[in-house]
Amino acid sequence: MVTRGFFSGRRPPSDTDARIPPGQYLEQGFPVLSAGPTPRVRTEDWSFTLKQGPRPLKKWNWAEFNALPQSKMTRDIHCVTAWTKFNTPWQGVMIDDILADAGIEPPTAYTLALSFDGYSTNVPTKDLVSGKAMVALLYEGKPITPDHGGPARLLVPHLYFWKSAKWVNGLQFTDRDEPGFWELRGYHIYGDPWREQRYSSDP
């Protein structure tokens, strides 16, 4: 595991700060945590594919994906390692708009987010649609750096941040809730910060 940037602005949360989930502290910086080395994905090599099981439904290259409707989202984010960062500003393509461009409704109740480095994480499809999630292309108005998952990362801000897969290159709809990289290694299958669903033993 790679970690950088911790303790850059840590302070204990106020008892009155209702925006911080249980067991979290407020972070002023933006720590980096990765399962392995940071891949350097060129936009010329980037693509994004929607799949149902192994079957591709639609694929976009970088230019085609960037031509889709762009939305902005400013949200608090919560890492399973206990930091919370307020008001993070992102811009990208909502999952709803990706599905609309593909001309489909979600075909299954479960989804795997897939990344260029082989990482995957499971997210219920209902947690990706209805304005809840996007494939982010910009952070603070600038291209997302490789350390933070650029050129594109999934953003599912209401779940622990490991669900917001870095270097994302596709979504795969699945018939069952298939665990991804960290879920197979003991992390919670869902990951709600407000219920402290960090590990598989948590309710």
C-alpha atoms as a PDB file:
ATOM      1  CA  MET A   1       0.000   0.000   0.000  1.00  0.00           C
ATOM      2  CA  VAL A   2       1.195   3.505  -0.857  1.00  0.00           C
ATOM      3  CA  THR A   3       0.350   6.399   1.470  1.00  0.00           C
ATOM      4  CA  ARG A   4       1.422  10.026   1.286  1.00  0.00           C
ATOM      5  CA  GLY A   5       0.270  13.368   2.632  1.00  0.00           C
ATOM      6  CA  PHE A   6      -1.139  12.320   5.989  1.00  0.00           C
ATOM      7  CA  PHE A   7      -1.093  14.684   8.979  1.00  0.00           C
ATOM      8  CA  SER A   8      -0.798  17.726   6.702  1.00  0.00           C
ATOM      9  CA  GLY A   9      -3.683  19.491   8.403  1.00  0.00           C
ATOM     10  CA  ARG A  10      -5.200  17.193  10.980  1.00  0.00           C
ATOM     11  CA  ARG A  11      -7.347  18.501  13.785  1.00  0.00           C
ATOM     12  CA  PRO A  12      -9.830  16.746  16.064  1.00  0.00           C
ATOM     13  CA  PRO A  13     -13.452  17.300  15.048  1.00  0.00           C
ATOM     14  CA  SER A  14     -15.731  19.455  17.117  1.00  0.00           C
ATOM     15  CA  ASP A  15     -18.488  17.649  18.960  1.00  0.00           C
ATOM     16  CA  THR A  16     -20.939  19.913  17.157  1.00  0.00           C
ATOM     17  CA  ASP A  17     -19.650  19.198  13.669  1.00  0.00           C
ATOM     18  CA  ALA A  18     -22.415  17.006  12.277  1.00  0.00           C
ATOM     19  CA  ARG A  19     -20.692  16.646   8.888  1.00  0.00           C
ATOM     20  CA  ILE A  20     -17.999  14.309  10.218  1.00  0.00           C
ATOM     21  CA  PRO A  21     -19.006  10.620  10.447  1.00  0.00           C
ATOM     22  CA  PRO A  22     -18.184   8.595  13.571  1.00  0.00           C
ATOM     23  CA  GLY A  23     -14.508   7.755  14.015  1.00  0.00           C
ATOM     24  CA  GLN A  24     -13.312  10.340  11.475  1.00  0.00           C
ATOM     25  CA  TYR A  25     -11.123  13.446  11.812  1.00  0.00           C
ATOM     26  CA  LEU A  26     -11.117  16.540   9.628  1.00  0.00           C
ATOM     27  CA  GLU A  27      -8.228  16.714   7.125  1.00  0.00           C
ATOM     28  CA  GLN A  28      -7.176  19.981   5.501  1.00  0.00           C
ATOM     29  CA  GLY A  29      -4.842  18.352   2.967  1.00  0.00           C
ATOM     30  CA  PHE A  30      -5.590  15.540   0.529  1.00  0.00           C
ATOM     31  CA  PRO A  31      -3.784  12.337   1.548  1.00  0.00           C
ATOM     32  CA  VAL A  32      -2.831   9.786  -1.098  1.00  0.00           C
ATOM     33  CA  LEU A  33      -3.537   6.102  -0.507  1.00  0.00           C
ATOM     34  CA  SER A  34      -3.184   3.444  -3.192  1.00  0.00           C
ATOM     35  CA  ALA A  35      -3.110  -0.339  -3.295  1.00  0.00           C
ATOM     36  CA  GLY A  36       0.070  -0.291  -5.419  1.00  0.00           C
ATOM     37  CA  PRO A  37       2.219   1.849  -7.717  1.00  0.00           C
ATOM     38  CA  THR A  38       0.590   4.791  -9.469  1.00  0.00           C
ATOM     39  CA  PRO A  39      -0.115   4.009 -13.131  1.00  0.00           C
ATOM     40  CA  ARG A  40       0.551   6.778 -15.648  1.00  0.00           C
ATOM     41  CA  VAL A  41      -2.363   6.543 -18.061  1.00  0.00           C
ATOM     42  CA  ARG A  42      -2.082   8.753 -21.148  1.00  0.00           C
ATOM     43  CA  THR A  43      -5.334  10.217 -22.371  1.00  0.00           C
ATOM     44  CA  GLU A  44      -4.447   8.873 -25.836  1.00  0.00           C
ATOM     45  CA  ASP A  45      -4.597   5.369 -24.331  1.00  0.00           C
ATOM     46  CA  TRP A  46      -7.613   5.942 -22.093  1.00  0.00           C
ATOM     47  CA  SER A  47     -11.021   4.481 -22.794  1.00  0.00           C
ATOM     48  CA  PHE A  48     -14.158   3.778 -20.801  1.00  0.00           C
ATOM     49  CA  THR A  49     -16.355   0.730 -21.361  1.00  0.00           C
ATOM     50  CA  LEU A  50     -19.808  -0.178 -20.078  1.00  0.00           C
ATOM     51  CA  LYS A  51     -20.283  -3.939 -19.824  1.00  0.00           C
ATOM     52  CA  GLN A  52     -22.975  -6.351 -18.774  1.00  0.00           C
ATOM     53  CA  GLY A  53     -21.041  -9.325 -17.498  1.00  0.00           C
ATOM     54  CA  PRO A  54     -18.304  -9.897 -20.101  1.00  0.00           C
ATOM     55  CA  ARG A  55     -20.334  -8.319 -22.931  1.00  0.00           C
ATOM     56  CA  PRO A  56     -19.398  -4.730 -23.921  1.00  0.00           C
ATOM     57  CA  LEU A  57     -22.371  -2.385 -24.243  1.00  0.00           C
ATOM     58  CA  LYS A  58     -20.574   0.802 -25.328  1.00  0.00           C
ATOM     59  CA  LYS A  59     -17.031   2.194 -25.346  1.00  0.00           C
ATOM     60  CA  TRP A  60     -15.765   5.796 -25.457  1.00  0.00           C
ATOM     61  CA  ASN A  61     -12.278   7.172 -26.092  1.00  0.00           C
ATOM     62  CA  TRP A  62     -11.042  10.254 -24.212  1.00  0.00           C
ATOM     63  CA  ALA A  63     -12.377  12.802 -26.719  1.00  0.00           C
ATOM     64  CA  GLU A  64     -15.754  11.091 -26.998  1.00  0.00           C
ATOM     65  CA  PHE A  65     -16.109  10.832 -23.231  1.00  0.00           C
ATOM     66  CA  ASN A  66     -15.183  14.481 -22.693  1.00  0.00           C
ATOM     67  CA  ALA A  67     -17.859  15.459 -25.234  1.00  0.00           C
ATOM     68  CA  LEU A  68     -20.569  14.040 -22.938  1.00  0.00           C
ATOM     69  CA  PRO A  69     -22.498  16.480 -20.704  1.00  0.00           C
ATOM     70  CA  GLN A  70     -20.302  17.802 -17.892  1.00  0.00           C
ATOM     71  CA  SER A  71     -21.526  18.366 -14.341  1.00  0.00           C
ATOM     72  CA  LYS A  72     -19.979  19.811 -11.197  1.00  0.00           C
ATOM     73  CA  MET A  73     -20.231  18.260  -7.755  1.00  0.00           C
ATOM     74  CA  THR A  74     -18.859  19.608  -4.457  1.00  0.00           C
ATOM     75  CA  ARG A  75     -19.001  17.019  -1.690  1.00  0.00           C
ATOM     76  CA  ASP A  76     -17.417  15.935   1.579  1.00  0.00           C
ATOM     77  CA  ILE A  77     -15.382  12.737   1.205  1.00  0.00           C
ATOM     78  CA  HIS A  78     -14.547  10.135   3.847  1.00  0.00           C
ATOM     79  CA  CYS A  79     -11.618   7.704   3.768  1.00  0.00           C
ATOM     80  CA  VAL A  80     -11.742   4.401   5.610  1.00  0.00           C
ATOM     81  CA  THR A  81      -8.374   5.341   7.158  1.00  0.00           C
ATOM     82  CA  ALA A  82     -10.365   7.887   9.217  1.00  0.00           C
ATOM     83  CA  TRP A  83      -9.901  11.235   7.464  1.00  0.00           C
ATOM     84  CA  THR A  84     -12.724  13.397   6.179  1.00  0.00           C
ATOM     85  CA  LYS A  85     -12.226  16.305   3.766  1.00  0.00           C
ATOM     86  CA  PHE A  86     -14.900  18.943   3.326  1.00  0.00           C
ATOM     87  CA  ASN A  87     -16.127  20.614   0.133  1.00  0.00           C
ATOM     88  CA  THR A  88     -14.079  18.801  -2.500  1.00  0.00           C
ATOM     89  CA  PRO A  89     -14.943  20.246  -5.950  1.00  0.00           C
ATOM     90  CA  TRP A  90     -15.128  17.865  -8.902  1.00  0.00           C
ATOM     91  CA  GLN A  91     -16.260  18.036 -12.506  1.00  0.00           C
ATOM     92  CA  GLY A  92     -17.036  15.142 -14.799  1.00  0.00           C
ATOM     93  CA  VAL A  93     -19.751  13.007 -16.329  1.00  0.00           C
ATOM     94  CA  MET A  94     -22.616  11.766 -14.184  1.00  0.00           C
ATOM     95  CA  ILE A  95     -23.277   8.050 -14.382  1.00  0.00           C
ATOM     96  CA  ASP A  96     -26.832   8.945 -15.437  1.00  0.00           C
ATOM     97  CA  ASP A  97     -25.455  10.775 -18.484  1.00  0.00           C
ATOM     98  CA  ILE A  98     -23.161   7.878 -19.389  1.00  0.00           C
ATOM     99  CA  LEU A  99     -26.138   5.521 -19.352  1.00  0.00           C
ATOM    100  CA  ALA A 100     -28.227   8.003 -21.345  1.00  0.00           C
ATOM    101  CA  ASP A 101     -25.552   8.259 -24.024  1.00  0.00           C
ATOM    102  CA  ALA A 102     -25.422   4.467 -24.215  1.00  0.00           C
ATOM    103  CA  GLY A 103     -29.210   4.421 -24.535  1.00  0.00           C
ATOM    104  CA  ILE A 104     -29.739   1.975 -21.681  1.00  0.00           C
ATOM    105  CA  GLU A 105     -31.300   1.668 -18.265  1.00  0.00           C
ATOM    106  CA  PRO A 106     -29.213  -0.117 -15.603  1.00  0.00           C
ATOM    107  CA  PRO A 107     -29.598  -3.799 -16.501  1.00  0.00           C
ATOM    108  CA  THR A 108     -28.723  -5.253 -13.066  1.00  0.00           C
ATOM    109  CA  ALA A 109     -28.785  -4.218  -9.413  1.00  0.00           C
ATOM    110  CA  TYR A 110     -25.022  -4.600  -8.980  1.00  0.00           C
ATOM    111  CA  THR A 111     -21.957  -3.009 -10.532  1.00  0.00           C
ATOM    112  CA  LEU A 112     -18.192  -3.464 -10.468  1.00  0.00           C
ATOM    113  CA  ALA A 113     -16.033  -0.417 -11.104  1.00  0.00           C
ATOM    114  CA  LEU A 114     -12.917  -1.415 -13.060  1.00  0.00           C
ATOM    115  CA  SER A 115      -9.541   0.349 -13.215  1.00  0.00           C
ATOM    116  CA  PHE A 116      -6.478   0.387 -15.479  1.00  0.00           C
ATOM    117  CA  ASP A 117      -4.294  -1.183 -12.776  1.00  0.00           C
ATOM    118  CA  GLY A 118      -6.596  -4.184 -12.301  1.00  0.00           C
ATOM    119  CA  TYR A 119      -8.305  -2.737  -9.227  1.00  0.00           C
ATOM    120  CA  SER A 120     -12.034  -3.235  -8.842  1.00  0.00           C
ATOM    121  CA  THR A 121     -14.679  -2.335  -6.293  1.00  0.00           C
ATOM    122  CA  ASN A 122     -18.356  -3.221  -6.058  1.00  0.00           C
ATOM    123  CA  VAL A 123     -21.079  -0.597  -5.748  1.00  0.00           C
ATOM    124  CA  PRO A 124     -24.837  -1.252  -5.846  1.00  0.00           C
ATOM    125  CA  THR A 125     -26.186   0.274  -9.041  1.00  0.00           C
ATOM    126  CA  LYS A 126     -28.685   2.382  -7.086  1.00  0.00           C
ATOM    127  CA  ASP A 127     -25.722   4.164  -5.460  1.00  0.00           C
ATOM    128  CA  LEU A 128     -24.402   5.258  -8.864  1.00  0.00           C
ATOM    129  CA  VAL A 129     -27.545   6.706 -10.435  1.00  0.00           C
ATOM    130  CA  SER A 130     -30.059   9.482  -9.643  1.00  0.00           C
ATOM    131  CA  GLY A 131     -27.303  12.078  -9.345  1.00  0.00           C
ATOM    132  CA  LYS A 132     -25.272  10.191  -6.745  1.00  0.00           C
ATOM    133  CA  ALA A 133     -22.034   9.485  -8.656  1.00  0.00           C
ATOM    134  CA  MET A 134     -19.857  10.573 -11.563  1.00  0.00           C
ATOM    135  CA  VAL A 135     -16.704   9.747 -13.458  1.00  0.00           C
ATOM    136  CA  ALA A 136     -14.643  12.768 -12.415  1.00  0.00           C
ATOM    137  CA  LEU A 137     -12.239  14.397 -14.885  1.00  0.00           C
ATOM    138  CA  LEU A 138     -11.303  17.597 -13.013  1.00  0.00           C
ATOM    139  CA  TYR A 139     -10.528  18.450  -9.391  1.00  0.00           C
ATOM    140  CA  GLU A 140     -10.498  22.103  -8.328  1.00  0.00           C
ATOM    141  CA  GLY A 141     -10.971  22.953 -12.008  1.00  0.00           C
ATOM    142  CA  LYS A 142      -7.784  21.167 -13.095  1.00  0.00           C
ATOM    143  CA  PRO A 143      -7.058  17.704 -14.542  1.00  0.00           C
ATOM    144  CA  ILE A 144      -6.906  15.110 -11.786  1.00  0.00           C
ATOM    145  CA  THR A 145      -3.296  14.190 -11.035  1.00  0.00           C
ATOM    146  CA  PRO A 146      -2.209  10.552 -11.382  1.00  0.00           C
ATOM    147  CA  ASP A 147      -1.746  10.247  -7.596  1.00  0.00           C
ATOM    148  CA  HIS A 148      -5.418  11.066  -7.106  1.00  0.00           C
ATOM    149  CA  GLY A 149      -6.636   8.776  -9.863  1.00  0.00           C
ATOM    150  CA  GLY A 150      -6.275  10.852 -13.021  1.00  0.00           C
ATOM    151  CA  PRO A 151      -7.033  11.099 -15.804  1.00  0.00           C
ATOM    152  CA  ALA A 152     -10.423   9.868 -14.547  1.00  0.00           C
ATOM    153  CA  ARG A 153     -11.724   8.416 -11.311  1.00  0.00           C
ATOM    154  CA  LEU A 154     -15.075   7.273 -10.058  1.00  0.00           C
ATOM    155  CA  LEU A 155     -16.643   9.550  -7.447  1.00  0.00           C
ATOM    156  CA  VAL A 156     -19.188   8.010  -5.049  1.00  0.00           C
ATOM    157  CA  PRO A 157     -18.894  10.514  -2.214  1.00  0.00           C
ATOM    158  CA  HIS A 158     -21.514   9.082   0.148  1.00  0.00           C
ATOM    159  CA  LEU A 159     -19.513   5.848   0.566  1.00  0.00           C
ATOM    160  CA  TYR A 160     -15.999   5.369   1.941  1.00  0.00           C
ATOM    161  CA  PHE A 161     -13.531   6.670  -0.605  1.00  0.00           C
ATOM    162  CA  TRP A 162     -12.096   3.275  -1.601  1.00  0.00           C
ATOM    163  CA  LYS A 163     -15.353   2.877  -3.533  1.00  0.00           C
ATOM    164  CA  SER A 164     -14.373   5.902  -5.679  1.00  0.00           C
ATOM    165  CA  ALA A 165     -12.045   3.860  -7.858  1.00  0.00           C
ATOM    166  CA  LYS A 166      -8.954   5.620  -9.196  1.00  0.00           C
ATOM    167  CA  TRP A 167      -7.882   5.317 -12.862  1.00  0.00           C
ATOM    168  CA  VAL A 168     -11.333   4.029 -13.700  1.00  0.00           C
ATOM    169  CA  ASN A 169     -11.846   2.591 -17.173  1.00  0.00           C
ATOM    170  CA  GLY A 170     -15.219   0.918 -16.966  1.00  0.00           C
ATOM    171  CA  LEU A 171     -18.341  -0.207 -15.186  1.00  0.00           C
ATOM    172  CA  GLN A 172     -19.457  -3.821 -15.340  1.00  0.00           C
ATOM    173  CA  PHE A 173     -23.039  -4.671 -14.451  1.00  0.00           C
ATOM    174  CA  THR A 174     -23.238  -7.978 -12.594  1.00  0.00           C
ATOM    175  CA  ASP A 175     -26.041 -10.316 -11.566  1.00  0.00           C
ATOM    176  CA  ARG A 176     -24.752 -10.604  -8.006  1.00  0.00           C
ATOM    177  CA  ASP A 177     -22.855  -8.386  -5.583  1.00  0.00           C
ATOM    178  CA  GLU A 178     -19.305  -9.420  -6.481  1.00  0.00           C
ATOM    179  CA  PRO A 179     -16.613  -8.207  -4.045  1.00  0.00           C
ATOM    180  CA  GLY A 180     -13.731  -6.182  -5.460  1.00  0.00           C
ATOM    181  CA  PHE A 181     -10.076  -5.798  -4.438  1.00  0.00           C
ATOM    182  CA  TRP A 182     -10.467  -4.501  -0.875  1.00  0.00           C
ATOM    183  CA  GLU A 183     -13.746  -6.319  -0.228  1.00  0.00           C
ATOM    184  CA  LEU A 184     -11.944  -9.616  -0.881  1.00  0.00           C
ATOM    185  CA  ARG A 185      -9.329  -8.519   1.674  1.00  0.00           C
ATOM    186  CA  GLY A 186     -11.673  -7.867   4.564  1.00  0.00           C
ATOM    187  CA  TYR A 187     -13.275  -4.501   3.848  1.00  0.00           C
ATOM    188  CA  HIS A 188     -17.034  -4.096   4.141  1.00  0.00           C
ATOM    189  CA  ILE A 189     -19.132  -5.079   1.137  1.00  0.00           C
ATOM    190  CA  TYR A 190     -20.992  -1.711   1.204  1.00  0.00           C
ATOM    191  CA  GLY A 191     -18.936   0.885   3.112  1.00  0.00           C
ATOM    192  CA  ASP A 192     -21.296   3.465   4.639  1.00  0.00           C
ATOM    193  CA  PRO A 193     -19.195   5.986   6.643  1.00  0.00           C
ATOM    194  CA  TRP A 194     -22.127   6.956   8.864  1.00  0.00           C
ATOM    195  CA  ARG A 195     -22.551   3.341   9.976  1.00  0.00           C
ATOM    196  CA  GLU A 196     -18.753   2.835  10.262  1.00  0.00           C
ATOM    197  CA  GLN A 197     -18.856  -0.053   7.796  1.00  0.00           C
ATOM    198  CA  ARG A 198     -15.093  -0.358   7.499  1.00  0.00           C
ATOM    199  CA  TYR A 199     -14.566  -4.112   7.720  1.00  0.00           C
ATOM    200  CA  SER A 200     -16.534  -7.221   6.863  1.00  0.00           C
ATOM    201  CA  SER A 201     -17.260  -7.830  10.561  1.00  0.00           C
ATOM    202  CA  ASP A 202     -19.043  -4.472  10.896  1.00  0.00           C
ATOM    203  CA  PRO A 203     -22.848  -4.572  10.701  1.00  0.00           C
END
